[in-house]
Amino acid sequence: MSKFSAALPSAPAVGVPLAVGRSLFYLIFAGVAWGTAGAAASLVFQASDLGPLALSFWRCAGGLVLLLGALAWRGRRSRRASVGGTARGSAEPRRRRVLRILATGIGLTLFQSAYFAAVQATGLAVGTVVTLGAGPVLIAVGARLTMGERLGRGGVIAITGALAGLVVLVLGGEGGSLTHLTL
């Protein structure tokens, strides 16, 4: 093993926690990928005739190709690692797992398409701020509906504040400007 191969991320074994460094690498990579999506979409909208749905389609198609490649690579590595050829069992039934993966994929595709449409219609800054504000609200509602989680008093206050801020952003139609800043 070379000194460079130790720095590259690899698929973790089942039940083995990721190293802190590798976890941070994944978080940084995900943050950069998410954080640049709106800016890249804004540039694509200016330079081409692609709309939000077409951009989402091509982005998801590219992601599918990357995921299939990673799956093939991971499968090849795990076949080499398993000497006895024992298959890893899954606690979750196959049908339920496939439905969960499809629901997640559809949800992420809808989110991405709506985000790109917001960026195209309102601009990068407003689209991103509304998305950031709506995220916790949608997560709280989804957690309540799918897992039965209850919001405490602090959660209700936070959701109310987030909704009020989103209403101001969406309905506040007048432009503002910063003319003088004193520190």
Protein backbone atom coordinates (compact mmCIF):
# COMPACT_ATOMS: atom_id res chain seq x y z
CA MET A 1 0.00 0.00 0.00
CA SER A 2 1.42 3.36 -0.97
CA LYS A 3 1.21 6.52 1.08
CA PHE A 4 -1.30 7.90 -1.44
CA SER A 5 -3.75 5.00 -1.32
CA ALA A 6 -4.28 5.52 2.40
CA ALA A 7 -5.59 9.04 1.73
CA LEU A 8 -8.18 7.94 -0.80
CA PRO A 9 -11.68 7.19 0.50
CA SER A 10 -13.00 3.68 0.15
CA ALA A 11 -16.26 1.97 0.96
CA PRO A 12 -16.48 1.02 4.64
CA ALA A 13 -17.02 -2.55 5.72
CA VAL A 14 -20.46 -3.30 7.14
CA GLY A 15 -20.63 -2.35 10.80
CA VAL A 16 -17.26 -0.54 10.81
CA PRO A 17 -17.45 3.20 11.54
CA LEU A 18 -15.73 5.60 9.16
CA ALA A 19 -12.54 7.26 10.25
CA VAL A 20 -12.94 10.92 11.23
CA GLY A 21 -10.71 12.14 8.38
CA ARG A 22 -12.64 10.19 5.77
CA SER A 23 -15.95 11.41 7.20
CA LEU A 24 -14.75 15.01 7.02
CA PHE A 25 -13.67 14.45 3.41
CA TYR A 26 -17.15 13.21 2.54
CA LEU A 27 -18.78 16.18 4.29
CA ILE A 28 -16.53 18.69 2.54
CA PHE A 29 -17.12 17.07 -0.84
CA ALA A 30 -20.90 17.03 -0.31
CA GLY A 31 -20.87 20.68 0.84
CA VAL A 32 -18.89 21.81 -2.19
CA ALA A 33 -21.14 19.82 -4.54
CA TRP A 34 -24.31 21.24 -2.99
CA GLY A 35 -22.97 24.75 -2.56
CA THR A 36 -21.93 25.13 -6.18
CA ALA A 37 -25.06 23.64 -7.75
CA GLY A 38 -27.08 26.87 -7.73
CA ALA A 39 -24.22 28.98 -9.06
CA ALA A 40 -23.52 26.43 -11.79
CA ALA A 41 -27.23 26.32 -12.66
CA SER A 42 -27.34 30.11 -12.88
CA LEU A 43 -24.40 30.06 -15.31
CA VAL A 44 -25.96 27.28 -17.38
CA PHE A 45 -29.22 29.24 -17.63
CA GLN A 46 -27.34 32.30 -18.90
CA ALA A 47 -25.21 30.38 -21.41
CA SER A 48 -27.73 27.90 -22.83
CA ASP A 49 -31.37 27.17 -23.53
CA LEU A 50 -31.59 24.51 -20.82
CA GLY A 51 -34.39 24.93 -18.33
CA PRO A 52 -34.64 23.64 -14.76
CA LEU A 53 -36.13 20.26 -15.70
CA ALA A 54 -33.59 19.58 -18.45
CA LEU A 55 -30.74 20.58 -16.16
CA SER A 56 -32.10 18.33 -13.39
CA PHE A 57 -32.41 15.45 -15.86
CA TRP A 58 -28.83 15.73 -17.07
CA ARG A 59 -27.49 16.21 -13.55
CA CYS A 60 -29.37 13.14 -12.31
CA ALA A 61 -28.28 11.12 -15.37
CA GLY A 62 -24.66 12.05 -14.69
CA GLY A 63 -25.08 11.17 -11.03
CA LEU A 64 -26.57 7.80 -11.98
CA VAL A 65 -23.56 7.01 -14.15
CA LEU A 66 -21.20 7.97 -11.30
CA LEU A 67 -23.18 5.91 -8.77
CA LEU A 68 -23.27 2.86 -11.05
CA GLY A 69 -19.50 3.15 -11.51
CA ALA A 70 -19.00 3.44 -7.74
CA LEU A 71 -21.29 0.46 -7.17
CA ALA A 72 -19.37 -1.65 -9.68
CA TRP A 73 -16.05 -0.61 -8.11
CA ARG A 74 -17.33 -1.32 -4.62
CA GLY A 75 -18.73 -4.68 -5.68
CA ARG A 76 -15.43 -5.69 -7.22
CA ARG A 77 -13.56 -4.66 -4.05
CA SER A 78 -15.94 -6.53 -1.75
CA ARG A 79 -15.73 -9.68 -3.92
CA ARG A 80 -11.94 -9.59 -3.60
CA ALA A 81 -12.17 -9.03 0.16
CA SER A 82 -14.56 -11.92 0.83
CA VAL A 83 -12.50 -15.08 0.62
CA GLY A 84 -15.31 -17.46 1.51
CA GLY A 85 -17.78 -15.82 -0.85
CA THR A 86 -20.37 -15.24 1.86
CA ALA A 87 -23.07 -12.81 0.87
CA ARG A 88 -23.92 -9.95 3.17
CA GLY A 89 -27.43 -10.31 4.49
CA SER A 90 -29.80 -7.38 4.71
CA ALA A 91 -32.11 -6.80 7.64
CA GLU A 92 -34.43 -4.84 5.37
CA PRO A 93 -36.54 -6.73 2.79
CA ARG A 94 -35.44 -6.11 -0.79
CA ARG A 95 -38.77 -4.67 -1.96
CA ARG A 96 -38.93 -2.17 0.90
CA ARG A 97 -35.31 -1.15 0.29
CA VAL A 98 -35.98 -0.56 -3.42
CA LEU A 99 -39.09 1.50 -2.61
CA ARG A 100 -37.13 3.58 -0.09
CA ILE A 101 -34.35 4.21 -2.61
CA LEU A 102 -36.87 5.17 -5.32
CA ALA A 103 -38.76 7.50 -2.97
CA THR A 104 -35.52 9.17 -1.93
CA GLY A 105 -34.42 9.58 -5.54
CA ILE A 106 -37.76 11.03 -6.61
CA GLY A 107 -37.81 13.40 -3.65
CA LEU A 108 -34.28 14.63 -4.34
CA THR A 109 -35.08 15.07 -8.04
CA LEU A 110 -38.20 17.10 -7.24
CA PHE A 111 -36.25 19.22 -4.75
CA GLN A 112 -33.47 19.85 -7.24
CA SER A 113 -35.88 20.75 -10.04
CA ALA A 114 -37.78 23.15 -7.78
CA TYR A 115 -34.51 24.70 -6.59
CA PHE A 116 -33.25 25.21 -10.14
CA ALA A 117 -36.63 26.70 -11.12
CA ALA A 118 -36.38 29.10 -8.16
CA VAL A 119 -32.84 30.09 -9.16
CA GLN A 120 -33.98 30.74 -12.73
CA ALA A 121 -37.07 32.72 -11.66
CA THR A 122 -35.71 34.72 -8.72
CA GLY A 123 -31.95 34.59 -8.97
CA LEU A 124 -29.32 32.67 -7.07
CA ALA A 125 -29.45 34.61 -3.78
CA VAL A 126 -33.21 34.49 -3.21
CA GLY A 127 -33.55 30.91 -4.43
CA THR A 128 -30.81 29.75 -2.08
CA VAL A 129 -32.06 31.69 0.96
CA VAL A 130 -35.61 30.40 0.49
CA THR A 131 -34.27 26.86 0.10
CA LEU A 132 -32.19 27.16 3.26
CA GLY A 133 -35.17 28.54 5.16
CA ALA A 134 -37.62 25.96 3.86
CA GLY A 135 -35.35 22.99 4.59
CA PRO A 136 -35.83 22.86 8.37
CA VAL A 137 -39.58 23.44 8.01
CA LEU A 138 -39.96 20.60 5.53
CA ILE A 139 -37.76 18.32 7.65
CA ALA A 140 -39.86 19.02 10.75
CA VAL A 141 -43.10 18.36 8.87
CA GLY A 142 -41.66 15.21 7.26
CA ALA A 143 -40.38 13.91 10.61
CA ARG A 144 -43.82 14.46 12.13
CA LEU A 145 -45.64 12.72 9.29
CA THR A 146 -43.27 9.81 8.72
CA MET A 147 -41.78 9.14 12.16
CA GLY A 148 -44.30 10.68 14.54
CA GLU A 149 -41.78 13.11 16.06
CA ARG A 150 -43.26 15.92 18.10
CA LEU A 151 -42.06 19.50 18.06
CA GLY A 152 -41.33 21.07 21.41
CA ARG A 153 -42.05 24.70 22.23
CA GLY A 154 -38.65 25.75 20.86
CA GLY A 155 -39.31 23.83 17.64
CA VAL A 156 -42.68 25.51 17.15
CA ILE A 157 -41.10 28.94 17.71
CA ALA A 158 -38.29 28.14 15.25
CA ILE A 159 -40.69 26.87 12.58
CA THR A 160 -42.95 29.91 13.06
CA GLY A 161 -39.97 32.24 12.70
CA ALA A 162 -38.73 30.40 9.60
CA LEU A 163 -42.19 30.56 8.00
CA ALA A 164 -42.51 34.28 8.81
CA GLY A 165 -39.11 34.94 7.24
CA LEU A 166 -40.04 32.95 4.14
CA VAL A 167 -43.30 34.89 3.80
CA VAL A 168 -41.37 38.17 3.99
CA LEU A 169 -38.92 36.94 1.33
CA VAL A 170 -41.63 35.71 -1.01
CA LEU A 171 -44.18 38.51 -0.61
CA GLY A 172 -41.79 41.42 -0.07
CA GLY A 173 -41.74 42.56 -3.68
CA GLU A 174 -39.93 45.85 -3.37
CA GLY A 175 -36.24 45.93 -4.12
CA GLY A 176 -33.82 47.17 -1.49
CA SER A 177 -30.36 48.58 -1.69
CA LEU A 178 -27.48 49.12 0.65
CA THR A 179 -26.18 52.66 0.34
CA HIS A 180 -24.14 53.16 3.47
CA LEU A 181 -22.62 50.71 5.89
CA THR A 182 -21.14 51.88 9.17
CA LEU A 183 -19.31 49.52 11.45
